[in-house]
Amino acid sequence: MGTFKSIEEAREFFKNDKFATNAGVQLDELNDEYCQCSLELNDGHKNAVGGVMGGVIFTLADFAFAALSNQLHSPTVSQQSSVNYLSAPKGEKLIAKAVCKKNGRSSSIINVDIVDDTGRDIVQFIGTGFKL
């Protein structure tokens, strides 16, 4: 069994992640093997040329990583992450799906794929969590 006994308990914990929650990131699903988060896009997420700011997309991926890695072991912090921006979002919503690829004694590897609501691949994120 994971750190959080319910999705409501996890949401209560992660409401303190002010940057992500103020940006509009939502925790949709969480269990010991999977996490899904989403973000409804608005004008506040756009960069100077009208696209979605890369930091907004990274924040969504990082939040999904944090939720799943801390479900597996709390506290876990990010030790390293990489992100590949694949396409610009065309839809109105981003959906992040995180899965654990390795859950070791002192670290975890979490893959996060982000798509938009049109099904377009947006980001591939890999994060290494360090278990404190």
N, C-alpha and C. Protein backbone atom coordinates (compact mmCIF):
# COMPACT_ATOMS: atom_id res chain seq x y z
N MET A 1 0.84 -1.18 0.00
CA MET A 1 0.00 0.00 0.00
C MET A 1 0.88 1.25 0.00
N GLY A 2 0.45 2.26 -0.72
CA GLY A 2 1.22 3.47 -0.86
C GLY A 2 1.11 4.41 0.32
N THR A 3 1.75 5.54 0.18
CA THR A 3 1.77 6.57 1.20
C THR A 3 0.38 7.09 1.51
N PHE A 4 -0.40 7.36 0.46
CA PHE A 4 -1.72 7.96 0.62
C PHE A 4 -2.80 6.89 0.60
N LYS A 5 -3.72 6.97 1.52
CA LYS A 5 -4.78 5.97 1.63
C LYS A 5 -5.92 6.22 0.65
N SER A 6 -5.98 7.45 0.10
CA SER A 6 -7.03 7.79 -0.85
C SER A 6 -6.56 8.95 -1.73
N ILE A 7 -7.27 9.15 -2.82
CA ILE A 7 -6.96 10.27 -3.70
C ILE A 7 -7.21 11.60 -2.98
N GLU A 8 -8.20 11.63 -2.11
CA GLU A 8 -8.49 12.85 -1.36
C GLU A 8 -7.33 13.20 -0.42
N GLU A 9 -6.74 12.20 0.22
CA GLU A 9 -5.59 12.44 1.10
C GLU A 9 -4.41 12.97 0.29
N ALA A 10 -4.18 12.42 -0.89
CA ALA A 10 -3.10 12.90 -1.75
C ALA A 10 -3.37 14.33 -2.21
N ARG A 11 -4.60 14.62 -2.59
CA ARG A 11 -4.94 15.99 -3.01
C ARG A 11 -4.73 16.98 -1.87
N GLU A 12 -5.08 16.59 -0.67
CA GLU A 12 -4.89 17.45 0.50
C GLU A 12 -3.40 17.73 0.71
N PHE A 13 -2.56 16.71 0.57
CA PHE A 13 -1.12 16.88 0.71
C PHE A 13 -0.57 17.80 -0.38
N PHE A 14 -0.94 17.55 -1.63
CA PHE A 14 -0.36 18.28 -2.75
C PHE A 14 -0.98 19.66 -2.97
N LYS A 15 -2.02 20.01 -2.21
CA LYS A 15 -2.52 21.38 -2.34
C LYS A 15 -1.47 22.38 -1.85
N ASN A 16 -0.49 21.90 -1.08
CA ASN A 16 0.61 22.74 -0.62
C ASN A 16 1.66 22.96 -1.70
N ASP A 17 1.54 22.30 -2.82
CA ASP A 17 2.41 22.54 -3.97
C ASP A 17 1.83 23.73 -4.72
N LYS A 18 2.07 24.92 -4.18
CA LYS A 18 1.40 26.15 -4.63
C LYS A 18 1.68 26.50 -6.09
N PHE A 19 2.91 26.31 -6.55
CA PHE A 19 3.23 26.69 -7.92
C PHE A 19 2.36 25.91 -8.90
N ALA A 20 2.33 24.59 -8.75
CA ALA A 20 1.56 23.75 -9.67
C ALA A 20 0.06 23.97 -9.50
N THR A 21 -0.42 24.02 -8.26
CA THR A 21 -1.86 24.17 -8.07
C THR A 21 -2.34 25.55 -8.50
N ASN A 22 -1.53 26.59 -8.28
CA ASN A 22 -1.91 27.93 -8.75
C ASN A 22 -1.91 28.00 -10.28
N ALA A 23 -1.11 27.16 -10.93
CA ALA A 23 -1.10 27.09 -12.39
C ALA A 23 -2.32 26.35 -12.92
N GLY A 24 -3.02 25.60 -12.03
CA GLY A 24 -4.21 24.88 -12.44
C GLY A 24 -4.05 23.38 -12.57
N VAL A 25 -2.91 22.83 -12.17
CA VAL A 25 -2.68 21.39 -12.27
C VAL A 25 -3.62 20.65 -11.32
N GLN A 26 -4.23 19.59 -11.81
CA GLN A 26 -5.16 18.76 -11.04
C GLN A 26 -4.63 17.33 -10.92
N LEU A 27 -4.80 16.73 -9.76
CA LEU A 27 -4.48 15.32 -9.55
C LEU A 27 -5.75 14.53 -9.79
N ASP A 28 -5.77 13.75 -10.88
CA ASP A 28 -6.98 13.03 -11.31
C ASP A 28 -7.04 11.60 -10.78
N GLU A 29 -5.93 10.87 -10.86
CA GLU A 29 -5.89 9.47 -10.45
C GLU A 29 -4.53 9.19 -9.83
N LEU A 30 -4.52 8.30 -8.82
CA LEU A 30 -3.26 7.92 -8.20
C LEU A 30 -3.40 6.57 -7.53
N ASN A 31 -2.46 5.67 -7.84
CA ASN A 31 -2.34 4.41 -7.12
C ASN A 31 -0.86 4.04 -7.09
N ASP A 32 -0.53 2.84 -6.69
CA ASP A 32 0.88 2.46 -6.55
C ASP A 32 1.60 2.25 -7.89
N GLU A 33 0.88 2.23 -8.98
CA GLU A 33 1.49 1.95 -10.28
C GLU A 33 1.30 3.06 -11.30
N TYR A 34 0.46 4.03 -11.03
CA TYR A 34 0.01 4.94 -12.06
C TYR A 34 -0.47 6.24 -11.45
N CYS A 35 -0.23 7.34 -12.17
CA CYS A 35 -0.76 8.63 -11.76
C CYS A 35 -1.21 9.37 -13.01
N GLN A 36 -2.33 10.05 -12.92
CA GLN A 36 -2.77 10.91 -14.01
C GLN A 36 -3.09 12.28 -13.44
N CYS A 37 -2.54 13.31 -14.10
CA CYS A 37 -2.80 14.70 -13.75
C CYS A 37 -3.21 15.43 -15.02
N SER A 38 -3.87 16.57 -14.86
CA SER A 38 -4.30 17.32 -16.03
C SER A 38 -4.23 18.81 -15.77
N LEU A 39 -4.32 19.55 -16.86
CA LEU A 39 -4.27 21.01 -16.81
C LEU A 39 -5.11 21.58 -17.94
N GLU A 40 -6.12 22.38 -17.58
CA GLU A 40 -6.91 23.12 -18.56
C GLU A 40 -6.11 24.35 -18.94
N LEU A 41 -5.83 24.50 -20.22
CA LEU A 41 -4.99 25.62 -20.69
C LEU A 41 -5.80 26.91 -20.79
N ASN A 42 -5.12 28.02 -20.49
CA ASN A 42 -5.74 29.34 -20.63
C ASN A 42 -4.68 30.34 -21.09
N ASP A 43 -5.07 31.59 -21.28
CA ASP A 43 -4.14 32.61 -21.77
C ASP A 43 -2.96 32.82 -20.82
N GLY A 44 -3.13 32.57 -19.54
CA GLY A 44 -2.06 32.74 -18.57
C GLY A 44 -0.94 31.72 -18.73
N HIS A 45 -1.15 30.68 -19.54
CA HIS A 45 -0.13 29.66 -19.78
C HIS A 45 0.69 29.93 -21.03
N LYS A 46 0.38 31.02 -21.74
CA LYS A 46 1.03 31.28 -23.03
C LYS A 46 2.31 32.09 -22.89
N ASN A 47 3.21 31.84 -23.84
CA ASN A 47 4.46 32.60 -23.92
C ASN A 47 4.27 33.79 -24.86
N ALA A 48 5.35 34.51 -25.14
CA ALA A 48 5.28 35.74 -25.92
C ALA A 48 4.82 35.53 -27.36
N VAL A 49 5.01 34.34 -27.90
CA VAL A 49 4.58 34.09 -29.29
C VAL A 49 3.24 33.36 -29.36
N GLY A 50 2.57 33.20 -28.21
CA GLY A 50 1.23 32.62 -28.20
C GLY A 50 1.16 31.12 -27.97
N GLY A 51 2.30 30.47 -27.84
CA GLY A 51 2.30 29.04 -27.55
C GLY A 51 2.27 28.79 -26.06
N VAL A 52 2.10 27.54 -25.66
CA VAL A 52 2.12 27.19 -24.25
C VAL A 52 3.57 27.21 -23.77
N MET A 53 3.81 27.93 -22.69
CA MET A 53 5.15 28.06 -22.10
C MET A 53 5.69 26.67 -21.73
N GLY A 54 6.94 26.41 -22.09
CA GLY A 54 7.56 25.12 -21.77
C GLY A 54 7.56 24.83 -20.29
N GLY A 55 7.73 25.86 -19.47
CA GLY A 55 7.74 25.67 -18.03
C GLY A 55 6.40 25.20 -17.48
N VAL A 56 5.32 25.59 -18.13
CA VAL A 56 3.99 25.12 -17.74
C VAL A 56 3.88 23.62 -17.97
N ILE A 57 4.33 23.18 -19.13
CA ILE A 57 4.28 21.76 -19.47
C ILE A 57 5.20 20.97 -18.55
N PHE A 58 6.40 21.49 -18.29
CA PHE A 58 7.32 20.83 -17.38
C PHE A 58 6.72 20.73 -15.98
N THR A 59 6.04 21.78 -15.53
CA THR A 59 5.41 21.77 -14.21
C THR A 59 4.39 20.65 -14.10
N LEU A 60 3.58 20.46 -15.12
CA LEU A 60 2.60 19.37 -15.12
C LEU A 60 3.31 18.02 -15.02
N ALA A 61 4.36 17.82 -15.82
CA ALA A 61 5.11 16.55 -15.78
C ALA A 61 5.75 16.34 -14.41
N ASP A 62 6.36 17.39 -13.88
CA ASP A 62 7.03 17.31 -12.58
C ASP A 62 6.04 17.01 -11.46
N PHE A 63 4.84 17.55 -11.54
CA PHE A 63 3.82 17.30 -10.54
C PHE A 63 3.36 15.84 -10.58
N ALA A 64 3.15 15.31 -11.78
CA ALA A 64 2.76 13.89 -11.92
C ALA A 64 3.87 12.99 -11.38
N PHE A 65 5.12 13.33 -11.70
CA PHE A 65 6.28 12.62 -11.15
C PHE A 65 6.26 12.66 -9.63
N ALA A 66 6.06 13.84 -9.05
CA ALA A 66 6.08 14.00 -7.59
C ALA A 66 4.96 13.20 -6.93
N ALA A 67 3.78 13.23 -7.52
CA ALA A 67 2.65 12.50 -6.93
C ALA A 67 2.93 11.00 -6.90
N LEU A 68 3.37 10.44 -8.02
CA LEU A 68 3.62 9.00 -8.06
C LEU A 68 4.82 8.62 -7.21
N SER A 69 5.91 9.37 -7.29
CA SER A 69 7.10 8.99 -6.52
C SER A 69 6.85 9.09 -5.02
N ASN A 70 6.06 10.07 -4.60
CA ASN A 70 5.74 10.18 -3.16
C ASN A 70 4.65 9.21 -2.74
N GLN A 71 3.88 8.69 -3.67
CA GLN A 71 2.96 7.60 -3.37
C GLN A 71 3.76 6.34 -3.04
N LEU A 72 4.86 6.15 -3.77
CA LEU A 72 5.70 4.96 -3.58
C LEU A 72 6.54 5.05 -2.30
N HIS A 73 7.05 6.26 -2.01
CA HIS A 73 7.87 6.47 -0.81
C HIS A 73 7.88 7.97 -0.51
N SER A 74 7.49 8.31 0.70
CA SER A 74 7.49 9.73 1.08
C SER A 74 8.42 9.93 2.27
N PRO A 75 9.30 10.92 2.18
CA PRO A 75 9.44 11.87 1.07
C PRO A 75 10.42 11.39 0.01
N THR A 76 10.11 11.74 -1.23
CA THR A 76 11.00 11.56 -2.36
C THR A 76 11.14 12.91 -3.06
N VAL A 77 12.37 13.24 -3.44
CA VAL A 77 12.63 14.48 -4.16
C VAL A 77 13.24 14.16 -5.51
N SER A 78 13.14 15.10 -6.42
CA SER A 78 13.72 14.92 -7.74
C SER A 78 15.23 15.06 -7.67
N GLN A 79 15.92 14.06 -8.19
CA GLN A 79 17.37 14.10 -8.25
C GLN A 79 17.83 14.51 -9.65
N GLN A 80 17.09 14.08 -10.65
CA GLN A 80 17.43 14.39 -12.04
C GLN A 80 16.17 14.24 -12.86
N SER A 81 16.03 15.07 -13.88
CA SER A 81 14.92 14.91 -14.81
C SER A 81 15.34 15.35 -16.20
N SER A 82 14.71 14.74 -17.18
CA SER A 82 14.93 15.15 -18.57
C SER A 82 13.58 15.23 -19.25
N VAL A 83 13.51 16.12 -20.20
CA VAL A 83 12.25 16.32 -20.90
C VAL A 83 12.52 16.49 -22.39
N ASN A 84 11.72 15.83 -23.17
CA ASN A 84 11.73 16.00 -24.63
C ASN A 84 10.40 16.60 -25.03
N TYR A 85 10.45 17.81 -25.58
CA TYR A 85 9.24 18.45 -26.10
C TYR A 85 9.03 17.93 -27.51
N LEU A 86 7.93 17.24 -27.73
CA LEU A 86 7.69 16.55 -28.99
C LEU A 86 6.87 17.38 -29.98
N SER A 87 5.84 18.05 -29.47
CA SER A 87 4.94 18.83 -30.31
C SER A 87 4.33 19.95 -29.49
N ALA A 88 3.90 20.98 -30.18
CA ALA A 88 3.16 22.06 -29.51
C ALA A 88 1.72 21.60 -29.29
N PRO A 89 1.16 21.90 -28.11
CA PRO A 89 -0.24 21.52 -27.87
C PRO A 89 -1.17 22.24 -28.85
N LYS A 90 -2.18 21.52 -29.32
CA LYS A 90 -3.21 22.09 -30.19
C LYS A 90 -4.57 22.12 -29.51
N GLY A 91 -4.70 21.35 -28.44
CA GLY A 91 -5.98 21.26 -27.74
C GLY A 91 -6.09 22.28 -26.63
N GLU A 92 -7.07 22.06 -25.76
CA GLU A 92 -7.36 22.97 -24.66
C GLU A 92 -7.01 22.38 -23.30
N LYS A 93 -6.53 21.13 -23.29
CA LYS A 93 -6.21 20.45 -22.04
C LYS A 93 -4.99 19.56 -22.25
N LEU A 94 -4.14 19.49 -21.21
CA LEU A 94 -3.00 18.58 -21.21
C LEU A 94 -3.25 17.48 -20.19
N ILE A 95 -2.88 16.26 -20.53
CA ILE A 95 -3.05 15.10 -19.65
C ILE A 95 -1.70 14.42 -19.49
N ALA A 96 -1.25 14.29 -18.24
CA ALA A 96 0.03 13.65 -17.92
C ALA A 96 -0.23 12.29 -17.31
N LYS A 97 0.43 11.27 -17.82
CA LYS A 97 0.32 9.92 -17.29
C LYS A 97 1.70 9.46 -16.85
N ALA A 98 1.84 9.19 -15.56
CA ALA A 98 3.11 8.78 -14.97
C ALA A 98 3.05 7.30 -14.61
N VAL A 99 4.15 6.58 -14.91
CA VAL A 99 4.30 5.17 -14.51
C VAL A 99 5.70 4.98 -13.95
N CYS A 100 5.80 4.08 -13.01
CA CYS A 100 7.09 3.77 -12.40
C CYS A 100 7.78 2.69 -13.21
N LYS A 101 9.00 2.97 -13.65
CA LYS A 101 9.79 2.00 -14.39
C LYS A 101 10.73 1.22 -13.48
N LYS A 102 11.14 1.85 -12.36
CA LYS A 102 12.04 1.19 -11.41
C LYS A 102 11.78 1.79 -10.04
N ASN A 103 11.54 0.91 -9.07
CA ASN A 103 11.33 1.35 -7.70
C ASN A 103 12.35 0.64 -6.84
N GLY A 104 13.52 1.28 -6.70
CA GLY A 104 14.62 0.68 -5.97
C GLY A 104 14.65 1.07 -4.50
N ARG A 105 15.70 0.65 -3.83
CA ARG A 105 15.86 0.91 -2.40
C ARG A 105 15.98 2.39 -2.10
N SER A 106 16.78 3.11 -2.88
CA SER A 106 17.04 4.52 -2.59
C SER A 106 16.60 5.46 -3.69
N SER A 107 16.14 4.91 -4.81
CA SER A 107 15.70 5.79 -5.90
C SER A 107 14.59 5.13 -6.71
N SER A 108 13.93 5.95 -7.50
CA SER A 108 12.89 5.47 -8.40
C SER A 108 13.04 6.18 -9.74
N ILE A 109 12.60 5.52 -10.79
CA ILE A 109 12.58 6.10 -12.13
C ILE A 109 11.12 6.16 -12.57
N ILE A 110 10.68 7.36 -12.89
CA ILE A 110 9.29 7.59 -13.28
C ILE A 110 9.27 8.16 -14.69
N ASN A 111 8.48 7.56 -15.58
CA ASN A 111 8.26 8.09 -16.92
C ASN A 111 6.91 8.80 -16.94
N VAL A 112 6.89 10.00 -17.53
CA VAL A 112 5.65 10.77 -17.66
C VAL A 112 5.48 11.12 -19.13
N ASP A 113 4.35 10.72 -19.69
CA ASP A 113 3.99 11.11 -21.05
C ASP A 113 2.84 12.09 -20.97
N ILE A 114 2.95 13.17 -21.73
CA ILE A 114 1.89 14.18 -21.77
C ILE A 114 1.32 14.23 -23.19
N VAL A 115 0.01 14.21 -23.25
CA VAL A 115 -0.72 14.39 -24.51
C VAL A 115 -1.70 15.55 -24.31
N ASP A 116 -2.17 16.11 -25.43
CA ASP A 116 -3.25 17.08 -25.29
C ASP A 116 -4.58 16.36 -25.54
N ASP A 117 -5.67 17.09 -25.40
CA ASP A 117 -6.98 16.45 -25.52
C ASP A 117 -7.35 16.10 -26.96
N THR A 118 -6.47 16.36 -27.92
CA THR A 118 -6.67 15.88 -29.29
C THR A 118 -5.92 14.57 -29.51
N GLY A 119 -5.15 14.11 -28.50
CA GLY A 119 -4.37 12.89 -28.62
C GLY A 119 -2.95 13.11 -29.10
N ARG A 120 -2.58 14.36 -29.29
CA ARG A 120 -1.25 14.71 -29.78
C ARG A 120 -0.20 14.50 -28.68
N ASP A 121 0.91 13.82 -29.01
CA ASP A 121 2.02 13.64 -28.08
C ASP A 121 2.73 14.98 -27.88
N ILE A 122 2.86 15.41 -26.62
CA ILE A 122 3.43 16.72 -26.30
C ILE A 122 4.80 16.59 -25.66
N VAL A 123 4.93 15.75 -24.65
CA VAL A 123 6.18 15.65 -23.89
C VAL A 123 6.44 14.22 -23.46
N GLN A 124 7.73 13.89 -23.44
CA GLN A 124 8.22 12.66 -22.81
C GLN A 124 9.19 13.10 -21.72
N PHE A 125 8.90 12.74 -20.48
CA PHE A 125 9.66 13.19 -19.30
C PHE A 125 10.13 11.94 -18.57
N ILE A 126 11.38 11.97 -18.12
CA ILE A 126 11.91 10.89 -17.27
C ILE A 126 12.50 11.55 -16.03
N GLY A 127 12.04 11.10 -14.86
CA GLY A 127 12.54 11.66 -13.62
C GLY A 127 13.12 10.59 -12.71
N THR A 128 14.21 10.94 -12.05
CA THR A 128 14.81 10.08 -11.03
C THR A 128 14.49 10.66 -9.68
N GLY A 129 13.83 9.88 -8.85
CA GLY A 129 13.50 10.32 -7.51
C GLY A 129 14.48 9.76 -6.50
N PHE A 130 14.92 10.61 -5.58
CA PHE A 130 15.79 10.19 -4.49
C PHE A 130 14.95 10.07 -3.23
N LYS A 131 14.95 8.89 -2.62
CA LYS A 131 14.13 8.63 -1.44
C LYS A 131 14.87 9.11 -0.19
N LEU A 132 14.29 10.05 0.51
CA LEU A 132 14.87 10.59 1.74
C LEU A 132 14.53 9.72 2.92
